[in-house]
Amino acid sequence: MLLQIINKIALRDNVILHTYVFMDSHYHLLIET
C-alpha cells in the first residue's frame, strides 16, 4: 500500500515535470520567433 502511494506521488511529479518541460520549450519557441 505504501508503494502505491509512492507510485502515485512519483507519477504526479513526473506529469508536472513533463508539463513544465513542454511549456518551457513552447515558451522558448515563442521568444525566438
PDB file of N, CA and C in Angstrom:
ATOM      1  N   MET A   1       0.832  -1.208   0.000  1.00  0.00           N
ATOM      2  CA  MET A   1       0.000   0.000   0.000  1.00  0.00           C
ATOM      3  C   MET A   1       0.869   1.262   0.000  1.00  0.00           C
ATOM      4  N   LEU A   2       1.924   1.247   0.784  1.00  0.00           N
ATOM      5  CA  LEU A   2       2.837   2.392   0.816  1.00  0.00           C
ATOM      6  C   LEU A   2       3.479   2.582  -0.558  1.00  0.00           C
ATOM      7  N   LEU A   3       3.784   1.471  -1.204  1.00  0.00           N
ATOM      8  CA  LEU A   3       4.391   1.513  -2.532  1.00  0.00           C
ATOM      9  C   LEU A   3       3.451   2.171  -3.538  1.00  0.00           C
ATOM     10  N   GLN A   4       2.149   1.907  -3.404  1.00  0.00           N
ATOM     11  CA  GLN A   4       1.160   2.516  -4.301  1.00  0.00           C
ATOM     12  C   GLN A   4       1.118   4.033  -4.114  1.00  0.00           C
ATOM     13  N   ILE A   5       1.206   4.472  -2.866  1.00  0.00           N
ATOM     14  CA  ILE A   5       1.198   5.910  -2.566  1.00  0.00           C
ATOM     15  C   ILE A   5       2.437   6.579  -3.169  1.00  0.00           C
ATOM     16  N   ILE A   6       3.585   5.943  -2.982  1.00  0.00           N
ATOM     17  CA  ILE A   6       4.834   6.469  -3.544  1.00  0.00           C
ATOM     18  C   ILE A   6       4.737   6.522  -5.064  1.00  0.00           C
ATOM     19  N   ASN A   7       4.133   5.474  -5.639  1.00  0.00           N
ATOM     20  CA  ASN A   7       3.954   5.397  -7.083  1.00  0.00           C
ATOM     21  C   ASN A   7       3.101   6.547  -7.591  1.00  0.00           C
ATOM     22  N   LYS A   8       2.016   6.840  -6.887  1.00  0.00           N
ATOM     23  CA  LYS A   8       1.120   7.934  -7.284  1.00  0.00           C
ATOM     24  C   LYS A   8       1.821   9.281  -7.210  1.00  0.00           C
ATOM     25  N   ILE A   9       2.587   9.495  -6.156  1.00  0.00           N
ATOM     26  CA  ILE A   9       3.324  10.747  -5.991  1.00  0.00           C
ATOM     27  C   ILE A   9       4.365  10.896  -7.101  1.00  0.00           C
ATOM     28  N   ALA A  10       5.084   9.818  -7.384  1.00  0.00           N
ATOM     29  CA  ALA A  10       6.111   9.838  -8.424  1.00  0.00           C
ATOM     30  C   ALA A  10       5.485  10.104  -9.790  1.00  0.00           C
ATOM     31  N   LEU A  11       4.329   9.488 -10.027  1.00  0.00           N
ATOM     32  CA  LEU A  11       3.636   9.665 -11.303  1.00  0.00           C
ATOM     33  C   LEU A  11       3.184  11.108 -11.463  1.00  0.00           C
ATOM     34  N   ARG A  12       2.621  11.676 -10.396  1.00  0.00           N
ATOM     35  CA  ARG A  12       2.150  13.061 -10.437  1.00  0.00           C
ATOM     36  C   ARG A  12       3.321  14.015 -10.669  1.00  0.00           C
ATOM     37  N   ASP A  13       4.430  13.795  -9.979  1.00  0.00           N
ATOM     38  CA  ASP A  13       5.612  14.644 -10.145  1.00  0.00           C
ATOM     39  C   ASP A  13       6.151  14.532 -11.564  1.00  0.00           C
ATOM     40  N   ASN A  14       6.060  13.328 -12.133  1.00  0.00           N
ATOM     41  CA  ASN A  14       6.526  13.087 -13.490  1.00  0.00           C
ATOM     42  C   ASN A  14       5.689  13.881 -14.486  1.00  0.00           C
ATOM     43  N   VAL A  15       4.378  13.894 -14.263  1.00  0.00           N
ATOM     44  CA  VAL A  15       3.465  14.645 -15.134  1.00  0.00           C
ATOM     45  C   VAL A  15       3.756  16.138 -15.032  1.00  0.00           C
ATOM     46  N   ILE A  16       3.969  16.626 -13.812  1.00  0.00           N
ATOM     47  CA  ILE A  16       4.287  18.040 -13.593  1.00  0.00           C
ATOM     48  C   ILE A  16       5.599  18.400 -14.297  1.00  0.00           C
ATOM     49  N   LEU A  17       6.582  17.520 -14.182  1.00  0.00           N
ATOM     50  CA  LEU A  17       7.882  17.752 -14.810  1.00  0.00           C
ATOM     51  C   LEU A  17       7.750  17.802 -16.328  1.00  0.00           C
ATOM     52  N   HIS A  18       7.008  16.845 -16.894  1.00  0.00           N
ATOM     53  CA  HIS A  18       6.807  16.809 -18.337  1.00  0.00           C
ATOM     54  C   HIS A  18       6.059  18.050 -18.826  1.00  0.00           C
ATOM     55  N   THR A  19       5.055  18.464 -18.053  1.00  0.00           N
ATOM     56  CA  THR A  19       4.278  19.654 -18.413  1.00  0.00           C
ATOM     57  C   THR A  19       5.172  20.890 -18.388  1.00  0.00           C
ATOM     58  N   TYR A  20       6.026  20.988 -17.367  1.00  0.00           N
ATOM     59  CA  TYR A  20       6.931  22.125 -17.232  1.00  0.00           C
ATOM     60  C   TYR A  20       7.910  22.191 -18.407  1.00  0.00           C
ATOM     61  N   VAL A  21       8.481  21.046 -18.761  1.00  0.00           N
ATOM     62  CA  VAL A  21       9.428  20.979 -19.881  1.00  0.00           C
ATOM     63  C   VAL A  21       8.720  21.336 -21.185  1.00  0.00           C
ATOM     64  N   PHE A  22       7.493  20.816 -21.340  1.00  0.00           N
ATOM     65  CA  PHE A  22       6.692  21.081 -22.541  1.00  0.00           C
ATOM     66  C   PHE A  22       6.405  22.574 -22.680  1.00  0.00           C
ATOM     67  N   MET A  23       5.959  23.197 -21.589  1.00  0.00           N
ATOM     68  CA  MET A  23       5.643  24.618 -21.601  1.00  0.00           C
ATOM     69  C   MET A  23       6.905  25.452 -21.811  1.00  0.00           C
ATOM     70  N   ASP A  24       8.000  25.016 -21.219  1.00  0.00           N
ATOM     71  CA  ASP A  24       9.264  25.734 -21.329  1.00  0.00           C
ATOM     72  C   ASP A  24       9.755  25.753 -22.775  1.00  0.00           C
ATOM     73  N   SER A  25       9.638  24.620 -23.468  1.00  0.00           N
ATOM     74  CA  SER A  25      10.078  24.548 -24.861  1.00  0.00           C
ATOM     75  C   SER A  25       9.202  25.431 -25.749  1.00  0.00           C
ATOM     76  N   HIS A  26       7.898  25.468 -25.455  1.00  0.00           N
ATOM     77  CA  HIS A  26       6.995  26.315 -26.221  1.00  0.00           C
ATOM     78  C   HIS A  26       7.292  27.791 -25.959  1.00  0.00           C
ATOM     79  N   TYR A  27       7.627  28.100 -24.719  1.00  0.00           N
ATOM     80  CA  TYR A  27       7.960  29.468 -24.334  1.00  0.00           C
ATOM     81  C   TYR A  27       9.181  29.955 -25.114  1.00  0.00           C
ATOM     82  N   HIS A  28      10.178  29.097 -25.239  1.00  0.00           N
ATOM     83  CA  HIS A  28      11.386  29.450 -25.989  1.00  0.00           C
ATOM     84  C   HIS A  28      11.072  29.651 -27.470  1.00  0.00           C
ATOM     85  N   LEU A  29      10.165  28.815 -27.991  1.00  0.00           N
ATOM     86  CA  LEU A  29       9.773  28.954 -29.396  1.00  0.00           C
ATOM     87  C   LEU A  29       9.085  30.293 -29.635  1.00  0.00           C
ATOM     88  N   LEU A  30       8.256  30.706 -28.680  1.00  0.00           N
ATOM     89  CA  LEU A  30       7.548  31.982 -28.811  1.00  0.00           C
ATOM     90  C   LEU A  30       8.515  33.159 -28.783  1.00  0.00           C
ATOM     91  N   ILE A  31       9.529  33.069 -27.952  1.00  0.00           N
ATOM     92  CA  ILE A  31      10.510  34.153 -27.835  1.00  0.00           C
ATOM     93  C   ILE A  31      11.363  34.245 -29.108  1.00  0.00           C
ATOM     94  N   GLU A  32      11.755  33.097 -29.648  1.00  0.00           N
ATOM     95  CA  GLU A  32      12.650  33.072 -30.804  1.00  0.00           C
ATOM     96  C   GLU A  32      11.995  33.610 -32.064  1.00  0.00           C
ATOM     97  N   THR A  33      10.687  33.414 -32.210  1.00  0.00           N
ATOM     98  CA  THR A  33      10.015  33.836 -33.441  1.00  0.00           C
ATOM     99  C   THR A  33       9.523  35.271 -33.348  1.00  0.00           C
TER     100      THR A  33
END
